[in-house]
C-alpha atoms as a PDB file:
ATOM      1  CA  MET A   1      38.063 116.027  30.824  1.00  0.00           C
ATOM      2  CA  ASN A   2      36.040 118.410  28.662  1.00  0.00           C
ATOM      3  CA  GLN A   3      32.968 116.247  29.199  1.00  0.00           C
ATOM      4  CA  VAL A   4      33.412 116.584  32.950  1.00  0.00           C
ATOM      5  CA  ARG A   5      33.948 120.338  32.684  1.00  0.00           C
ATOM      6  CA  TYR A   6      30.831 120.719  30.496  1.00  0.00           C
ATOM      7  CA  TYR A   7      28.780 118.581  32.898  1.00  0.00           C
ATOM      8  CA  LEU A   8      29.792 120.761  35.870  1.00  0.00           C
ATOM      9  CA  ALA A   9      29.009 123.971  33.948  1.00  0.00           C
ATOM     10  CA  LEU A  10      25.597 122.583  32.976  1.00  0.00           C
ATOM     11  CA  CYS A  11      24.922 121.646  36.614  1.00  0.00           C
ATOM     12  CA  GLU A  12      25.524 125.252  37.631  1.00  0.00           C
ATOM     13  CA  GLU A  13      23.910 127.031  34.677  1.00  0.00           C
ATOM     14  CA  GLN A  14      20.954 124.629  34.257  1.00  0.00           C
ATOM     15  CA  ASN A  15      20.812 125.795  30.644  1.00  0.00           C
ATOM     16  CA  PHE A  16      22.649 124.292  27.655  1.00  0.00           C
ATOM     17  CA  THR A  17      23.133 127.618  25.857  1.00  0.00           C
ATOM     18  CA  ARG A  18      24.579 129.412  28.891  1.00  0.00           C
ATOM     19  CA  ALA A  19      26.767 126.419  29.808  1.00  0.00           C
ATOM     20  CA  ALA A  20      28.121 126.251  26.250  1.00  0.00           C
ATOM     21  CA  LYS A  21      28.880 129.972  26.257  1.00  0.00           C
ATOM     22  CA  ARG A  22      30.619 129.660  29.629  1.00  0.00           C
ATOM     23  CA  CYS A  23      32.772 126.793  28.284  1.00  0.00           C
ATOM     24  CA  GLY A  24      33.517 128.581  25.026  1.00  0.00           C
ATOM     25  CA  VAL A  25      31.933 125.930  22.783  1.00  0.00           C
ATOM     26  CA  SER A  26      28.828 125.696  20.624  1.00  0.00           C
ATOM     27  CA  GLN A  27      25.640 124.375  22.168  1.00  0.00           C
ATOM     28  CA  PRO A  28      25.594 121.261  19.909  1.00  0.00           C
ATOM     29  CA  SER A  29      29.190 120.462  20.934  1.00  0.00           C
ATOM     30  CA  LEU A  30      28.263 120.681  24.609  1.00  0.00           C
ATOM     31  CA  THR A  31      25.130 118.565  24.063  1.00  0.00           C
ATOM     32  CA  ASN A  32      27.110 115.873  22.225  1.00  0.00           C
ATOM     33  CA  ALA A  33      29.779 115.805  24.946  1.00  0.00           C
ATOM     34  CA  ILE A  34      27.090 115.376  27.630  1.00  0.00           C
ATOM     35  CA  LYS A  35      25.519 112.526  25.619  1.00  0.00           C
ATOM     36  CA  ARG A  36      28.933 110.804  25.343  1.00  0.00           C
ATOM     37  CA  LEU A  37      29.447 111.165  29.099  1.00  0.00           C
ATOM     38  CA  GLU A  38      25.992 109.714  29.715  1.00  0.00           C
ATOM     39  CA  ARG A  39      26.842 106.722  27.488  1.00  0.00           C
ATOM     40  CA  THR A  40      30.112 106.258  29.373  1.00  0.00           C
ATOM     41  CA  LEU A  41      28.362 106.323  32.746  1.00  0.00           C
ATOM     42  CA  GLY A  42      25.467 104.185  31.562  1.00  0.00           C
ATOM     43  CA  GLY A  43      22.478 106.471  31.992  1.00  0.00           C
ATOM     44  CA  PRO A  44      21.025 109.973  31.755  1.00  0.00           C
ATOM     45  CA  LEU A  45      22.551 112.626  33.984  1.00  0.00           C
ATOM     46  CA  PHE A  46      19.825 115.243  33.428  1.00  0.00           C
ATOM     47  CA  HIS A  47      16.043 115.340  33.126  1.00  0.00           C
ATOM     48  CA  ARG A  48      15.425 117.636  30.179  1.00  0.00           C
ATOM     49  CA  ASP A  49      12.276 119.457  29.159  1.00  0.00           C
ATOM     50  CA  ARG A  50      11.677 122.661  27.231  1.00  0.00           C
ATOM     51  CA  ARG A  51      12.059 124.904  30.277  1.00  0.00           C
ATOM     52  CA  ASN A  52      14.059 123.064  32.901  1.00  0.00           C
ATOM     53  CA  ILE A  53      17.113 120.903  33.293  1.00  0.00           C
ATOM     54  CA  GLU A  54      17.637 119.053  36.528  1.00  0.00           C
ATOM     55  CA  LEU A  55      19.916 116.270  37.652  1.00  0.00           C
ATOM     56  CA  THR A  56      18.766 112.667  37.639  1.00  0.00           C
ATOM     57  CA  GLU A  57      19.631 110.384  40.555  1.00  0.00           C
ATOM     58  CA  LEU A  58      22.701 109.222  38.612  1.00  0.00           C
ATOM     59  CA  GLY A  59      23.628 112.862  37.950  1.00  0.00           C
ATOM     60  CA  ARG A  60      23.416 113.669  41.673  1.00  0.00           C
ATOM     61  CA  VAL A  61      25.439 110.625  42.691  1.00  0.00           C
ATOM     62  CA  VAL A  62      28.330 111.162  40.254  1.00  0.00           C
ATOM     63  CA  LYS A  63      28.556 114.927  40.740  1.00  0.00           C
ATOM     64  CA  PRO A  64      30.962 114.893  43.736  1.00  0.00           C
ATOM     65  CA  TYR A  65      33.230 112.396  41.958  1.00  0.00           C
ATOM     66  CA  LEU A  66      33.312 114.413  38.762  1.00  0.00           C
ATOM     67  CA  LYS A  67      33.980 117.588  40.762  1.00  0.00           C
ATOM     68  CA  GLN A  68      36.889 115.840  42.451  1.00  0.00           C
ATOM     69  CA  LEU A  69      38.166 114.632  39.086  1.00  0.00           C
ATOM     70  CA  ASP A  70      38.010 118.171  37.686  1.00  0.00           C
ATOM     71  CA  GLN A  71      39.851 119.557  40.721  1.00  0.00           C
ATOM     72  CA  SER A  72      42.497 116.826  40.457  1.00  0.00           C
ATOM     73  CA  ALA A  73      43.037 117.589  36.775  1.00  0.00           C
ATOM     74  CA  TYR A  74      43.409 121.286  37.586  1.00  0.00           C
ATOM     75  CA  GLU A  75      45.919 120.497  40.326  1.00  0.00           C
ATOM     76  CA  ALA A  76      47.851 118.160  38.005  1.00  0.00           C
ATOM     77  CA  LYS A  77      48.110 120.918  35.380  1.00  0.00           C
ATOM     78  CA  ARG A  78      49.245 123.410  38.021  1.00  0.00           C
ATOM     79  CA  LYS A  79      51.917 121.052  39.366  1.00  0.00           C
ATOM     80  CA  ALA A  80      53.023 120.089  35.856  1.00  0.00           C
ATOM     81  CA  ALA A  81      53.530 123.762  35.014  1.00  0.00           C
ATOM     82  CA  LYS A  82      55.561 124.175  38.199  1.00  0.00           C
ATOM     83  CA  VAL A  83      57.719 121.127  37.407  1.00  0.00           C
ATOM     84  CA  LEU A  84      58.225 122.164  33.802  1.00  0.00           C
ATOM     85  CA  SER A  85      59.208 125.678  34.796  1.00  0.00           C
ATOM     86  CA  ALA A  86      61.874 124.325  37.170  1.00  0.00           C
ATOM     87  CA  PRO A  87      65.407 124.795  35.851  1.00  0.00           C
ATOM     88  CA  SER A  88      66.663 122.075  33.559  1.00  0.00           C
ATOM     89  CA  ILE A  89      64.237 119.232  34.188  1.00  0.00           C
ATOM     90  CA  THR A  90      65.619 117.465  31.118  1.00  0.00           C
ATOM     91  CA  HIS A  91      68.894 117.058  33.009  1.00  0.00           C
ATOM     92  CA  GLN A  92      67.102 115.452  35.955  1.00  0.00           C
ATOM     93  CA  PRO A  93      66.026 111.992  34.716  1.00  0.00           C
ATOM     94  CA  ARG A  94      64.506 110.971  38.070  1.00  0.00           C
ATOM     95  CA  ALA A  95      62.341 114.110  38.144  1.00  0.00           C
ATOM     96  CA  MET A  96      61.204 113.420  34.585  1.00  0.00           C
ATOM     97  CA  GLU A  97      60.390 109.795  35.463  1.00  0.00           C
ATOM     98  CA  ALA A  98      58.340 110.919  38.472  1.00  0.00           C
ATOM     99  CA  PHE A  99      56.537 113.473  36.329  1.00  0.00           C
ATOM    100  CA  VAL A 100      55.640 110.879  33.670  1.00  0.00           C
ATOM    101  CA  ARG A 101      54.626 108.319  36.308  1.00  0.00           C
ATOM    102  CA  ALA A 102      52.333 110.878  37.951  1.00  0.00           C
ATOM    103  CA  HIS A 103      50.550 111.382  34.637  1.00  0.00           C
ATOM    104  CA  HIS A 104      50.033 107.613  34.308  1.00  0.00           C
ATOM    105  CA  VAL A 105      48.532 107.496  37.793  1.00  0.00           C
ATOM    106  CA  ILE A 106      46.197 110.428  37.067  1.00  0.00           C
ATOM    107  CA  ALA A 107      44.978 108.741  33.876  1.00  0.00           C
ATOM    108  CA  VAL A 108      44.371 105.423  35.662  1.00  0.00           C
ATOM    109  CA  VAL A 109      42.525 107.117  38.534  1.00  0.00           C
ATOM    110  CA  ALA A 110      40.353 109.065  36.076  1.00  0.00           C
ATOM    111  CA  VAL A 111      39.387 105.867  34.286  1.00  0.00           C
ATOM    112  CA  LEU A 112      38.664 104.117  37.586  1.00  0.00           C
ATOM    113  CA  VAL A 113      36.559 106.963  38.971  1.00  0.00           C
ATOM    114  CA  ILE A 114      34.428 107.139  35.842  1.00  0.00           C
ATOM    115  CA  GLY A 115      34.452 103.437  34.903  1.00  0.00           C
ATOM    116  CA  LEU A 116      34.209 101.676  38.254  1.00  0.00           C
ATOM    117  CA  GLY A 117      32.282 104.502  39.847  1.00  0.00           C
ATOM    118  CA  ALA A 118      29.489 104.231  37.289  1.00  0.00           C
ATOM    119  CA  LYS A 119      29.092 100.513  38.003  1.00  0.00           C
ATOM    120  CA  GLN A 120      28.572 101.225  41.718  1.00  0.00           C
ATOM    121  CA  PHE A 121      25.617 103.452  40.994  1.00  0.00           C
ATOM    122  CA  VAL A 122      23.410 100.704  39.555  1.00  0.00           C
ATOM    123  CA  PHE A 123      21.515  99.383  42.563  1.00  0.00           C
ATOM    124  CA  PRO A 124      19.585  96.109  42.542  1.00  0.00           C
ATOM    125  CA  PRO A 125      15.808  96.810  42.543  1.00  0.00           C
ATOM    126  CA  GLN A 126      15.288  95.636  46.118  1.00  0.00           C
ATOM    127  CA  GLN A 127      17.993  98.050  47.364  1.00  0.00           C
ATOM    128  CA  ALA A 128      17.007 101.057  45.287  1.00  0.00           C
ATOM    129  CA  ASP A 129      14.696 102.582  47.910  1.00  0.00           C
ATOM    130  CA  ALA A 130      17.059 102.005  50.821  1.00  0.00           C
ATOM    131  CA  ASN A 131      20.002 103.505  48.933  1.00  0.00           C
ATOM    132  CA  THR A 132      18.265 106.506  47.386  1.00  0.00           C
ATOM    133  CA  ASN A 133      20.274 108.969  49.457  1.00  0.00           C
ATOM    134  CA  ALA A 134      23.373 106.820  49.837  1.00  0.00           C
ATOM    135  CA  VAL A 135      26.556 108.041  48.205  1.00  0.00           C
ATOM    136  CA  PRO A 136      28.941 105.182  47.472  1.00  0.00           C
ATOM    137  CA  SER A 137      32.556 105.708  48.330  1.00  0.00           C
ATOM    138  CA  THR A 138      35.491 104.540  46.300  1.00  0.00           C
ATOM    139  CA  SER A 139      39.012 104.236  47.572  1.00  0.00           C
ATOM    140  CA  VAL A 140      41.926 103.430  45.345  1.00  0.00           C
ATOM    141  CA  ASN A 141      45.221 102.003  46.507  1.00  0.00           C
ATOM    142  CA  VAL A 142      47.459 103.565  43.871  1.00  0.00           C
ATOM    143  CA  LEU A 143      50.552 101.627  44.952  1.00  0.00           C
ATOM    144  CA  GLN A 144      48.684  98.317  44.740  1.00  0.00           C
ATOM    145  CA  MET A 145      47.307  99.381  41.372  1.00  0.00           C
ATOM    146  CA  HIS A 146      50.855 100.088  40.196  1.00  0.00           C
ATOM    147  CA  HIS A 147      51.939  96.591  41.265  1.00  0.00           C
ATOM    148  CA  ASP A 148      48.891  94.992  39.617  1.00  0.00           C
ATOM    149  CA  ILE A 149      49.524  96.609  36.237  1.00  0.00           C
ATOM    150  CA  ASP A 150      51.529  94.466  33.824  1.00  0.00           C
ATOM    151  CA  THR A 151      54.274  97.018  33.165  1.00  0.00           C
ATOM    152  CA  LYS A 152      55.773  94.912  30.381  1.00  0.00           C
ATOM    153  CA  SER A 153      52.648  95.537  28.289  1.00  0.00           C
ATOM    154  CA  LEU A 154      52.754  99.326  28.763  1.00  0.00           C
ATOM    155  CA  PRO A 155      53.994 101.457  25.870  1.00  0.00           C
ATOM    156  CA  VAL A 156      57.392 103.077  26.144  1.00  0.00           C
ATOM    157  CA  GLN A 157      57.229 106.818  26.761  1.00  0.00           C
ATOM    158  CA  LYS A 158      59.755 108.889  24.818  1.00  0.00           C
ATOM    159  CA  MET A 159      60.688 112.328  26.036  1.00  0.00           C
ATOM    160  CA  ASN A 160      63.562 114.340  24.663  1.00  0.00           C
ATOM    161  CA  ASP A 161      64.713 111.272  22.670  1.00  0.00           C
ATOM    162  CA  LYS A 162      65.062 109.206  25.853  1.00  0.00           C
ATOM    163  CA  ALA A 163      62.909 106.164  26.531  1.00  0.00           C
ATOM    164  CA  PHE A 164      61.502 105.590  29.994  1.00  0.00           C
ATOM    165  CA  ILE A 165      60.132 102.181  30.937  1.00  0.00           C
ATOM    166  CA  PHE A 166      58.696 101.934  34.420  1.00  0.00           C
ATOM    167  CA  THR A 167      58.983  98.682  36.298  1.00  0.00           C
ATOM    168  CA  ASP A 168      58.593  97.615  39.903  1.00  0.00           C
ATOM    169  CA  GLU A 169      62.368  97.409  40.298  1.00  0.00           C
ATOM    170  CA  GLU A 170      62.768 101.209  40.241  1.00  0.00           C
END
């Protein structure tokens, strides 16, 4: 998530030093995080020269998805704080299960948006010109994804010395 946050700050600041300062990290840390994100997505996100930084085609295409991911993470944190501040969640096993399940879904969606999304952005050469301004769309059926996941291979989550295993029977 920090890589996404750093990318968005760099998009706005168009300067590594200012973006790093805004994110509260050193400039080399921000640069390394951007390089890791570029490796994850399979290509450069920025054209860099001594004076200017501007988005590449890949950088422009993934920007709305990474913005959405950042907003979703913010919303998840906000809702988690609300749930955790509710009285006695540890005495409400169903609420705790829903809370843990929501975190699994957020993690899976994040991986899909970054992983599958990056694969959509590589156009065959004959389609590159026609799709220059096209923005691919990705829809995820979370319920189908939940059914497709082999829940028996998932690790057991322990919270407050209680184990929760999520299966389709619940």
